Amino acid sequence: MANKLKLGIPKGSLQDATIALFERAGWRIYASGRSYFPTIDDTEIECMLVRAQEMARYVEHGALDAGLTGNDWVLENQSDVERVTSLTYSKASRTKVKWVLAVPEDSPYQKPEDLAGKTIATELVEFSKRYFAEKNIPVKVEFSWGATEVKPPTLADAIVEVTETGSSLRANRLRIIETLMESETQFIANKTAWADSWKRAKIETLSLMLNGAMAAQTQVGLMLNAKKADLEKVLGVLPALNSPTVSHLQDPEWVALNTILETHLVRDVIPKLKAAGGTGIVEYPLSKVVL
């Protein structure tokens, strides 16, 4: 029987972003209709769509060899899994999300201790219970099936909710009084699968390429020519992932430079390169950056 890696893809808010990341990394995943078993253009991988909230449990118990889920759900379930790598992306951005304690704008509550004896609604029940218990704050933590932001003050005194920008909380007239944790996507593996040499090699290959695809999203390549006499000035304004590659041209008085830099720096660097004597400056996109 051929080797197979059972891979969990998070169903829901992370699904599209995850499939897009895999495509940039070199794997095409096709999720269609209501099937929970998307196809992938790799005969060594079998995919299954699983809710991020449940992923860590299924990976821990061996139903899946590996999967992607938030660190928040690994902590919520206290799952004993191998953390292969962190991948900082979410449904809308490449930033970490936050689980926050929020109360109505006009409420008197200013800190977690003010909620003693009150009711907290959240989807992150177990982690929230542990958080308040560690602070010795007696509260009632209730599971929220959704629309958590609309529950205070009628159905709960406060909520523990995940947010990227805080815009939904503000729209519902809620005020953050504490951040319980920051979370990002984790690539996790079952401990037994990680001990299997073939599966571990496959997982590490996926990790390498996923990280390479993510790194390329915020960087671009830059190549240019410069006179040897201007080389030091050009190098002085050229940030780089590593030292720029400098190559000799047919004309002995000129060199070519090739480097990688953060996308947000380009608008400032190119004019400086031009002023320092750079010419023939070309910016180009990157597919992957593997360190």
C-alpha atoms as a PDB file:
ATOM      1  CA  MET A   1       0.000   0.000   0.000  1.00  0.00           C
ATOM      2  CA  ALA A   2       1.363   3.402  -0.981  1.00  0.00           C
ATOM      3  CA  ASN A   3       2.211   5.899   1.737  1.00  0.00           C
ATOM      4  CA  LYS A   4      -0.489   8.479   2.402  1.00  0.00           C
ATOM      5  CA  LEU A   5      -0.536  11.585   4.559  1.00  0.00           C
ATOM      6  CA  LYS A   6      -3.969  12.383   6.016  1.00  0.00           C
ATOM      7  CA  LEU A   7      -4.116  16.179   6.021  1.00  0.00           C
ATOM      8  CA  GLY A   8      -6.766  18.336   7.674  1.00  0.00           C
ATOM      9  CA  ILE A   9      -7.755  21.585   5.965  1.00  0.00           C
ATOM     10  CA  PRO A  10      -9.674  24.029   8.191  1.00  0.00           C
ATOM     11  CA  LYS A  11     -13.299  24.376   7.116  1.00  0.00           C
ATOM     12  CA  GLY A  12     -14.913  27.760   7.531  1.00  0.00           C
ATOM     13  CA  SER A  13     -13.285  31.166   7.801  1.00  0.00           C
ATOM     14  CA  LEU A  14      -9.740  29.890   7.178  1.00  0.00           C
ATOM     15  CA  GLN A  15     -10.636  27.569   4.290  1.00  0.00           C
ATOM     16  CA  ASP A  16     -10.204  29.906   1.325  1.00  0.00           C
ATOM     17  CA  ALA A  17      -7.033  31.492   2.704  1.00  0.00           C
ATOM     18  CA  THR A  18      -5.537  28.051   3.381  1.00  0.00           C
ATOM     19  CA  ILE A  19      -6.331  26.697  -0.084  1.00  0.00           C
ATOM     20  CA  ALA A  20      -4.870  29.857  -1.642  1.00  0.00           C
ATOM     21  CA  LEU A  21      -1.689  29.448   0.420  1.00  0.00           C
ATOM     22  CA  PHE A  22      -1.313  25.812  -0.654  1.00  0.00           C
ATOM     23  CA  GLU A  23      -1.668  26.861  -4.297  1.00  0.00           C
ATOM     24  CA  ARG A  24       1.106  29.420  -3.905  1.00  0.00           C
ATOM     25  CA  ALA A  25       3.194  26.689  -2.268  1.00  0.00           C
ATOM     26  CA  GLY A  26       2.651  24.365  -5.247  1.00  0.00           C
ATOM     27  CA  TRP A  27      -0.347  22.196  -4.302  1.00  0.00           C
ATOM     28  CA  ARG A  28      -3.781  22.654  -5.876  1.00  0.00           C
ATOM     29  CA  ILE A  29      -6.668  21.705  -3.623  1.00  0.00           C
ATOM     30  CA  TYR A  30     -10.138  21.455  -5.151  1.00  0.00           C
ATOM     31  CA  ALA A  31     -13.009  21.830  -2.677  1.00  0.00           C
ATOM     32  CA  SER A  32     -16.371  21.596  -4.366  1.00  0.00           C
ATOM     33  CA  GLY A  33     -19.976  21.374  -3.278  1.00  0.00           C
ATOM     34  CA  ARG A  34     -20.666  19.888   0.121  1.00  0.00           C
ATOM     35  CA  SER A  35     -17.934  17.266   0.044  1.00  0.00           C
ATOM     36  CA  TYR A  36     -15.695  17.130   3.072  1.00  0.00           C
ATOM     37  CA  PHE A  37     -12.976  15.382   1.052  1.00  0.00           C
ATOM     38  CA  PRO A  38     -11.355  17.855  -1.364  1.00  0.00           C
ATOM     39  CA  THR A  39      -9.032  16.531  -4.043  1.00  0.00           C
ATOM     40  CA  ILE A  40      -5.385  17.539  -4.239  1.00  0.00           C
ATOM     41  CA  ASP A  41      -2.878  17.163  -7.061  1.00  0.00           C
ATOM     42  CA  ASP A  42      -0.591  14.992  -4.940  1.00  0.00           C
ATOM     43  CA  THR A  43      -1.237  11.260  -4.802  1.00  0.00           C
ATOM     44  CA  GLU A  44       0.594  11.025  -1.473  1.00  0.00           C
ATOM     45  CA  ILE A  45      -1.891  13.291   0.346  1.00  0.00           C
ATOM     46  CA  GLU A  46      -5.529  12.767   1.320  1.00  0.00           C
ATOM     47  CA  CYS A  47      -7.369  15.913   2.418  1.00  0.00           C
ATOM     48  CA  MET A  48     -10.320  16.328   4.725  1.00  0.00           C
ATOM     49  CA  LEU A  49     -12.171  19.502   5.660  1.00  0.00           C
ATOM     50  CA  VAL A  50     -12.478  19.796   9.439  1.00  0.00           C
ATOM     51  CA  ARG A  51     -13.588  22.716  11.593  1.00  0.00           C
ATOM     52  CA  ALA A  52     -10.575  24.509  13.045  1.00  0.00           C
ATOM     53  CA  GLN A  53     -12.115  24.167  16.518  1.00  0.00           C
ATOM     54  CA  GLU A  54     -11.916  20.353  16.256  1.00  0.00           C
ATOM     55  CA  MET A  55      -8.732  19.936  14.233  1.00  0.00           C
ATOM     56  CA  ALA A  56      -6.300  19.540  17.120  1.00  0.00           C
ATOM     57  CA  ARG A  57      -8.358  16.742  18.709  1.00  0.00           C
ATOM     58  CA  TYR A  58      -8.499  14.736  15.497  1.00  0.00           C
ATOM     59  CA  VAL A  59      -4.773  15.205  14.909  1.00  0.00           C
ATOM     60  CA  GLU A  60      -3.963  14.242  18.497  1.00  0.00           C
ATOM     61  CA  HIS A  61      -6.052  11.050  18.289  1.00  0.00           C
ATOM     62  CA  GLY A  62      -4.577  10.021  14.907  1.00  0.00           C
ATOM     63  CA  ALA A  63      -7.659  10.392  12.711  1.00  0.00           C
ATOM     64  CA  LEU A  64      -5.490  12.912  10.856  1.00  0.00           C
ATOM     65  CA  ASP A  65      -1.702  12.874  10.511  1.00  0.00           C
ATOM     66  CA  ALA A  66      -1.431  16.652  10.288  1.00  0.00           C
ATOM     67  CA  GLY A  67      -3.576  19.730   9.924  1.00  0.00           C
ATOM     68  CA  LEU A  68      -3.801  23.485  10.121  1.00  0.00           C
ATOM     69  CA  THR A  69      -5.640  25.236  12.921  1.00  0.00           C
ATOM     70  CA  GLY A  70      -5.298  28.199  15.215  1.00  0.00           C
ATOM     71  CA  ASN A  71      -3.048  28.056  18.249  1.00  0.00           C
ATOM     72  CA  ASP A  72      -6.139  29.154  20.194  1.00  0.00           C
ATOM     73  CA  TRP A  73      -7.901  25.858  19.482  1.00  0.00           C
ATOM     74  CA  VAL A  74      -4.816  23.813  20.361  1.00  0.00           C
ATOM     75  CA  LEU A  75      -4.807  25.566  23.735  1.00  0.00           C
ATOM     76  CA  GLU A  76      -8.595  25.321  24.131  1.00  0.00           C
ATOM     77  CA  ASN A  77      -8.456  21.541  23.702  1.00  0.00           C
ATOM     78  CA  GLN A  78      -5.103  21.193  25.493  1.00  0.00           C
ATOM     79  CA  SER A  79      -4.103  18.874  22.668  1.00  0.00           C
ATOM     80  CA  ASP A  80      -0.831  16.967  22.799  1.00  0.00           C
ATOM     81  CA  VAL A  81       0.395  17.499  19.241  1.00  0.00           C
ATOM     82  CA  GLU A  82       3.630  18.339  17.471  1.00  0.00           C
ATOM     83  CA  ARG A  83       3.778  22.016  16.524  1.00  0.00           C
ATOM     84  CA  VAL A  84       5.536  21.941  13.161  1.00  0.00           C
ATOM     85  CA  THR A  85       5.494  25.649  12.301  1.00  0.00           C
ATOM     86  CA  SER A  86       3.549  28.857  12.782  1.00  0.00           C
ATOM     87  CA  LEU A  87       1.896  30.401   9.716  1.00  0.00           C
ATOM     88  CA  THR A  88       0.702  33.916  10.428  1.00  0.00           C
ATOM     89  CA  TYR A  89      -2.373  34.324   8.289  1.00  0.00           C
ATOM     90  CA  SER A  90      -6.077  34.658   8.961  1.00  0.00           C
ATOM     91  CA  LYS A  91      -9.251  34.989   6.924  1.00  0.00           C
ATOM     92  CA  ALA A  92      -8.610  38.647   6.100  1.00  0.00           C
ATOM     93  CA  SER A  93      -4.958  39.452   6.712  1.00  0.00           C
ATOM     94  CA  ARG A  94      -1.460  38.272   7.542  1.00  0.00           C
ATOM     95  CA  THR A  95      -1.662  39.332  11.168  1.00  0.00           C
ATOM     96  CA  LYS A  96      -2.305  37.488  14.397  1.00  0.00           C
ATOM     97  CA  VAL A  97      -5.807  37.493  15.808  1.00  0.00           C
ATOM     98  CA  LYS A  98      -6.607  38.364  19.410  1.00  0.00           C
ATOM     99  CA  TRP A  99      -9.026  36.864  21.895  1.00  0.00           C
ATOM    100  CA  VAL A 100     -10.275  39.757  23.975  1.00  0.00           C
ATOM    101  CA  LEU A 101     -12.539  40.372  26.935  1.00  0.00           C
ATOM    102  CA  ALA A 102     -15.116  42.957  25.897  1.00  0.00           C
ATOM    103  CA  VAL A 103     -17.969  44.703  27.683  1.00  0.00           C
ATOM    104  CA  PRO A 104     -20.655  47.208  26.626  1.00  0.00           C
ATOM    105  CA  GLU A 105     -19.276  50.700  26.064  1.00  0.00           C
ATOM    106  CA  ASP A 106     -21.461  52.212  28.786  1.00  0.00           C
ATOM    107  CA  SER A 107     -20.880  49.480  31.388  1.00  0.00           C
ATOM    108  CA  PRO A 108     -18.992  50.208  34.621  1.00  0.00           C
ATOM    109  CA  TYR A 109     -16.550  47.310  34.111  1.00  0.00           C
ATOM    110  CA  GLN A 110     -12.940  48.425  33.624  1.00  0.00           C
ATOM    111  CA  LYS A 111     -10.917  45.292  34.386  1.00  0.00           C
ATOM    112  CA  PRO A 112     -11.457  41.512  34.598  1.00  0.00           C
ATOM    113  CA  GLU A 113     -11.811  41.633  38.392  1.00  0.00           C
ATOM    114  CA  ASP A 114     -14.900  43.825  38.012  1.00  0.00           C
ATOM    115  CA  LEU A 115     -16.711  40.859  36.430  1.00  0.00           C
ATOM    116  CA  ALA A 116     -16.698  38.713  39.575  1.00  0.00           C
ATOM    117  CA  GLY A 117     -20.033  36.888  39.804  1.00  0.00           C
ATOM    118  CA  LYS A 118     -20.968  37.836  36.235  1.00  0.00           C
ATOM    119  CA  THR A 119     -21.700  35.799  33.092  1.00  0.00           C
ATOM    120  CA  ILE A 120     -19.231  35.558  30.198  1.00  0.00           C
ATOM    121  CA  ALA A 121     -20.300  34.285  26.760  1.00  0.00           C
ATOM    122  CA  THR A 122     -17.694  32.791  24.446  1.00  0.00           C
ATOM    123  CA  GLU A 123     -16.857  29.992  22.054  1.00  0.00           C
ATOM    124  CA  LEU A 124     -13.490  29.607  23.793  1.00  0.00           C
ATOM    125  CA  VAL A 125     -15.006  28.137  26.921  1.00  0.00           C
ATOM    126  CA  GLU A 126     -12.276  25.991  28.507  1.00  0.00           C
ATOM    127  CA  PHE A 127      -9.450  28.467  27.953  1.00  0.00           C
ATOM    128  CA  SER A 128     -11.618  31.272  29.356  1.00  0.00           C
ATOM    129  CA  LYS A 129     -12.495  29.205  32.425  1.00  0.00           C
ATOM    130  CA  ARG A 130      -8.813  28.543  33.063  1.00  0.00           C
ATOM    131  CA  TYR A 131      -7.978  32.223  32.544  1.00  0.00           C
ATOM    132  CA  PHE A 132     -10.462  33.446  35.160  1.00  0.00           C
ATOM    133  CA  ALA A 133      -9.628  30.585  37.542  1.00  0.00           C
ATOM    134  CA  GLU A 134      -5.925  31.511  37.458  1.00  0.00           C
ATOM    135  CA  LYS A 135      -6.895  35.052  38.436  1.00  0.00           C
ATOM    136  CA  ASN A 136      -9.252  33.744  41.150  1.00  0.00           C
ATOM    137  CA  ILE A 137     -12.179  35.620  39.602  1.00  0.00           C
ATOM    138  CA  PRO A 138     -15.456  33.690  40.052  1.00  0.00           C
ATOM    139  CA  VAL A 139     -17.473  33.966  36.834  1.00  0.00           C
ATOM    140  CA  LYS A 140     -19.945  31.853  34.890  1.00  0.00           C
ATOM    141  CA  VAL A 141     -18.611  31.019  31.421  1.00  0.00           C
ATOM    142  CA  GLU A 142     -21.273  30.010  28.904  1.00  0.00           C
ATOM    143  CA  PHE A 143     -20.775  28.578  25.440  1.00  0.00           C
ATOM    144  CA  SER A 144     -21.902  30.878  22.657  1.00  0.00           C
ATOM    145  CA  TRP A 145     -23.232  29.313  19.464  1.00  0.00           C
ATOM    146  CA  GLY A 146     -22.590  32.474  17.468  1.00  0.00           C
ATOM    147  CA  ALA A 147     -23.454  36.166  17.215  1.00  0.00           C
ATOM    148  CA  THR A 148     -21.543  36.576  20.471  1.00  0.00           C
ATOM    149  CA  GLU A 149     -21.152  40.347  20.021  1.00  0.00           C
ATOM    150  CA  VAL A 150     -24.895  40.985  20.383  1.00  0.00           C
ATOM    151  CA  LYS A 151     -25.279  39.175  23.719  1.00  0.00           C
ATOM    152  CA  PRO A 152     -24.153  41.886  26.154  1.00  0.00           C
ATOM    153  CA  PRO A 153     -25.775  43.255  28.189  1.00  0.00           C
ATOM    154  CA  THR A 154     -29.051  41.288  27.900  1.00  0.00           C
ATOM    155  CA  LEU A 155     -27.764  37.694  27.582  1.00  0.00           C
ATOM    156  CA  ALA A 156     -24.303  38.101  29.116  1.00  0.00           C
ATOM    157  CA  ASP A 157     -22.355  40.722  31.047  1.00  0.00           C
ATOM    158  CA  ALA A 158     -19.236  40.369  28.901  1.00  0.00           C
ATOM    159  CA  ILE A 159     -17.814  38.251  26.102  1.00  0.00           C
ATOM    160  CA  VAL A 160     -14.518  36.666  25.167  1.00  0.00           C
ATOM    161  CA  GLU A 161     -14.314  37.014  21.405  1.00  0.00           C
ATOM    162  CA  VAL A 162     -11.770  36.748  18.617  1.00  0.00           C
ATOM    163  CA  THR A 163     -10.955  39.854  16.601  1.00  0.00           C
ATOM    164  CA  GLU A 164      -8.554  40.965  13.876  1.00  0.00           C
ATOM    165  CA  THR A 165      -9.291  44.682  13.722  1.00  0.00           C
ATOM    166  CA  GLY A 166     -11.857  45.284  16.462  1.00  0.00           C
ATOM    167  CA  SER A 167     -14.301  46.771  13.940  1.00  0.00           C
ATOM    168  CA  SER A 168     -17.102  44.283  14.680  1.00  0.00           C
ATOM    169  CA  LEU A 169     -16.796  44.930  18.414  1.00  0.00           C
ATOM    170  CA  ARG A 170     -16.951  48.687  17.893  1.00  0.00           C
ATOM    171  CA  ALA A 171     -19.932  48.313  15.562  1.00  0.00           C
ATOM    172  CA  ASN A 172     -21.757  46.506  18.366  1.00  0.00           C
ATOM    173  CA  ARG A 173     -20.753  49.174  20.888  1.00  0.00           C
ATOM    174  CA  LEU A 174     -18.382  46.963  22.831  1.00  0.00           C
ATOM    175  CA  ARG A 175     -15.192  48.010  24.601  1.00  0.00           C
ATOM    176  CA  ILE A 176     -12.100  45.806  25.065  1.00  0.00           C
ATOM    177  CA  ILE A 177     -10.840  45.669  28.634  1.00  0.00           C
ATOM    178  CA  GLU A 178      -8.288  42.848  28.345  1.00  0.00           C
ATOM    179  CA  THR A 179      -6.478  40.724  25.759  1.00  0.00           C
ATOM    180  CA  LEU A 180      -6.403  37.075  26.805  1.00  0.00           C
ATOM    181  CA  MET A 181      -4.116  35.844  24.050  1.00  0.00           C
ATOM    182  CA  GLU A 182      -2.809  36.365  20.540  1.00  0.00           C
ATOM    183  CA  SER A 183      -3.209  33.476  18.130  1.00  0.00           C
ATOM    184  CA  GLU A 184      -1.977  32.471  14.691  1.00  0.00           C
ATOM    185  CA  THR A 185      -2.380  29.462  12.436  1.00  0.00           C
ATOM    186  CA  GLN A 186      -0.324  26.433  13.412  1.00  0.00           C
ATOM    187  CA  PHE A 187       0.693  23.501  11.242  1.00  0.00           C
ATOM    188  CA  ILE A 188       0.394  20.605  13.681  1.00  0.00           C
ATOM    189  CA  ALA A 189       1.144  16.896  13.457  1.00  0.00           C
ATOM    190  CA  ASN A 190       0.168  13.735  15.284  1.00  0.00           C
ATOM    191  CA  LYS A 191       3.028  12.519  17.519  1.00  0.00           C
ATOM    192  CA  THR A 192       3.026   9.026  15.972  1.00  0.00           C
ATOM    193  CA  ALA A 193       2.963  10.414  12.442  1.00  0.00           C
ATOM    194  CA  TRP A 194       5.838  12.755  13.333  1.00  0.00           C
ATOM    195  CA  ALA A 195       7.863   9.741  14.484  1.00  0.00           C
ATOM    196  CA  ASP A 196       7.268   8.008  11.122  1.00  0.00           C
ATOM    197  CA  SER A 197      10.189   8.915   8.840  1.00  0.00           C
ATOM    198  CA  TRP A 198       8.173   9.077   5.609  1.00  0.00           C
ATOM    199  CA  LYS A 199       5.313  11.113   7.067  1.00  0.00           C
ATOM    200  CA  ARG A 200       7.681  13.452   8.869  1.00  0.00           C
ATOM    201  CA  ALA A 201       9.611  14.102   5.645  1.00  0.00           C
ATOM    202  CA  LYS A 202       6.336  14.834   3.816  1.00  0.00           C
ATOM    203  CA  ILE A 203       5.152  17.167   6.572  1.00  0.00           C
ATOM    204  CA  GLU A 204       8.500  18.978   6.627  1.00  0.00           C
ATOM    205  CA  THR A 205       8.340  19.428   2.847  1.00  0.00           C
ATOM    206  CA  LEU A 206       4.883  20.978   3.161  1.00  0.00           C
ATOM    207  CA  SER A 207       6.105  23.213   5.977  1.00  0.00           C
ATOM    208  CA  LEU A 208       9.113  24.387   3.969  1.00  0.00           C
ATOM    209  CA  MET A 209       7.051  25.273   0.906  1.00  0.00           C
ATOM    210  CA  LEU A 210       4.191  26.887   2.844  1.00  0.00           C
ATOM    211  CA  ASN A 211       6.642  29.112   4.695  1.00  0.00           C
ATOM    212  CA  GLY A 212       8.393  29.930   1.435  1.00  0.00           C
ATOM    213  CA  ALA A 213       5.105  30.949  -0.165  1.00  0.00           C
ATOM    214  CA  MET A 214       4.213  33.125   2.810  1.00  0.00           C
ATOM    215  CA  ALA A 215       7.595  34.842   2.864  1.00  0.00           C
ATOM    216  CA  ALA A 216       7.244  35.692  -0.833  1.00  0.00           C
ATOM    217  CA  GLN A 217       3.975  37.546  -0.214  1.00  0.00           C
ATOM    218  CA  THR A 218       5.724  40.444   1.484  1.00  0.00           C
ATOM    219  CA  GLN A 219       8.932  40.556  -0.567  1.00  0.00           C
ATOM    220  CA  VAL A 220       9.964  41.358  -4.118  1.00  0.00           C
ATOM    221  CA  GLY A 221      13.059  40.855  -6.199  1.00  0.00           C
ATOM    222  CA  LEU A 222      15.056  43.827  -7.441  1.00  0.00           C
ATOM    223  CA  MET A 223      17.753  43.873 -10.105  1.00  0.00           C
ATOM    224  CA  LEU A 224      19.720  46.793 -11.479  1.00  0.00           C
ATOM    225  CA  ASN A 225      22.979  47.834 -13.074  1.00  0.00           C
ATOM    226  CA  ALA A 226      25.539  50.249 -11.679  1.00  0.00           C
ATOM    227  CA  LYS A 227      29.005  51.519 -12.494  1.00  0.00           C
ATOM    228  CA  LYS A 228      31.724  50.010 -10.338  1.00  0.00           C
ATOM    229  CA  ALA A 229      32.569  53.532  -9.240  1.00  0.00           C
ATOM    230  CA  ASP A 230      29.053  53.893  -7.784  1.00  0.00           C
ATOM    231  CA  LEU A 231      28.812  50.409  -6.260  1.00  0.00           C
ATOM    232  CA  GLU A 232      29.505  51.410  -2.665  1.00  0.00           C
ATOM    233  CA  LYS A 233      26.893  54.194  -2.812  1.00  0.00           C
ATOM    234  CA  VAL A 234      24.323  51.785  -4.268  1.00  0.00           C
ATOM    235  CA  LEU A 235      25.054  49.124  -1.651  1.00  0.00           C
ATOM    236  CA  GLY A 236      24.698  51.760   1.046  1.00  0.00           C
ATOM    237  CA  VAL A 237      21.004  52.302   0.263  1.00  0.00           C
ATOM    238  CA  LEU A 238      20.116  48.729  -0.630  1.00  0.00           C
ATOM    239  CA  PRO A 239      18.609  46.643   2.179  1.00  0.00           C
ATOM    240  CA  ALA A 240      18.685  42.926   1.493  1.00  0.00           C
ATOM    241  CA  LEU A 241      17.559  39.583   2.838  1.00  0.00           C
ATOM    242  CA  ASN A 242      21.175  38.533   2.500  1.00  0.00           C
ATOM    243  CA  SER A 243      24.095  40.238   0.801  1.00  0.00           C
ATOM    244  CA  PRO A 244      23.105  41.316  -2.723  1.00  0.00           C
ATOM    245  CA  THR A 245      24.432  39.238  -5.596  1.00  0.00           C
ATOM    246  CA  VAL A 246      26.914  41.302  -7.622  1.00  0.00           C
ATOM    247  CA  SER A 247      27.815  40.058 -11.114  1.00  0.00           C
ATOM    248  CA  HIS A 248      30.289  41.377 -13.678  1.00  0.00           C
ATOM    249  CA  LEU A 249      28.956  42.578 -17.020  1.00  0.00           C
ATOM    250  CA  GLN A 250      30.628  42.501 -20.419  1.00  0.00           C
ATOM    251  CA  ASP A 251      31.604  46.116 -19.895  1.00  0.00           C
ATOM    252  CA  PRO A 252      34.273  45.923 -17.161  1.00  0.00           C
ATOM    253  CA  GLU A 253      33.162  49.271 -15.759  1.00  0.00           C
ATOM    254  CA  TRP A 254      29.681  47.984 -14.884  1.00  0.00           C
ATOM    255  CA  VAL A 255      28.138  45.392 -12.533  1.00  0.00           C
ATOM    256  CA  ALA A 256      24.667  43.880 -12.114  1.00  0.00           C
ATOM    257  CA  LEU A 257      23.012  43.563  -8.702  1.00  0.00           C
ATOM    258  CA  ASN A 258      20.217  41.249  -7.643  1.00  0.00           C
ATOM    259  CA  THR A 259      18.543  41.275  -4.250  1.00  0.00           C
ATOM    260  CA  ILE A 260      15.324  40.761  -2.282  1.00  0.00           C
ATOM    261  CA  LEU A 261      13.598  43.329  -0.120  1.00  0.00           C
ATOM    262  CA  GLU A 262      10.353  43.960   1.698  1.00  0.00           C
ATOM    263  CA  THR A 263       7.592  45.229  -0.587  1.00  0.00           C
ATOM    264  CA  HIS A 264       6.824  48.254   1.574  1.00  0.00           C
ATOM    265  CA  LEU A 265      10.416  49.511   1.197  1.00  0.00           C
ATOM    266  CA  VAL A 266      10.392  49.624  -2.609  1.00  0.00           C
ATOM    267  CA  ARG A 267       8.864  53.078  -3.003  1.00  0.00           C
ATOM    268  CA  ASP A 268      11.635  54.607  -0.893  1.00  0.00           C
ATOM    269  CA  VAL A 269      14.541  52.467  -2.095  1.00  0.00           C
ATOM    270  CA  ILE A 270      14.144  52.801  -5.881  1.00  0.00           C
ATOM    271  CA  PRO A 271      14.488  56.618  -5.945  1.00  0.00           C
ATOM    272  CA  LYS A 272      17.538  56.358  -3.685  1.00  0.00           C
ATOM    273  CA  LEU A 273      19.066  53.723  -5.967  1.00  0.00           C
ATOM    274  CA  LYS A 274      18.496  55.978  -8.963  1.00  0.00           C
ATOM    275  CA  ALA A 275      20.116  58.899  -7.166  1.00  0.00           C
ATOM    276  CA  ALA A 276      23.089  56.717  -6.163  1.00  0.00           C
ATOM    277  CA  GLY A 277      23.777  55.776  -9.798  1.00  0.00           C
ATOM    278  CA  GLY A 278      21.618  52.703 -10.301  1.00  0.00           C
ATOM    279  CA  THR A 279      20.087  52.190 -13.721  1.00  0.00           C
ATOM    280  CA  GLY A 280      17.930  49.596 -15.510  1.00  0.00           C
ATOM    281  CA  ILE A 281      16.103  48.991 -12.215  1.00  0.00           C
ATOM    282  CA  VAL A 282      13.586  46.145 -12.441  1.00  0.00           C
ATOM    283  CA  GLU A 283      11.202  45.035  -9.689  1.00  0.00           C
ATOM    284  CA  TYR A 284       9.719  41.538 -10.038  1.00  0.00           C
ATOM    285  CA  PRO A 285       7.341  39.383  -7.977  1.00  0.00           C
ATOM    286  CA  LEU A 286       8.463  36.274  -6.097  1.00  0.00           C
ATOM    287  CA  SER A 287       6.683  32.934  -5.840  1.00  0.00           C
ATOM    288  CA  LYS A 288       8.607  31.559  -2.882  1.00  0.00           C
ATOM    289  CA  VAL A 289      11.432  32.642  -0.609  1.00  0.00           C
ATOM    290  CA  VAL A 290      13.109  29.674   1.088  1.00  0.00           C
ATOM    291  CA  LEU A 291      15.793  30.502   3.628  1.00  0.00           C
END
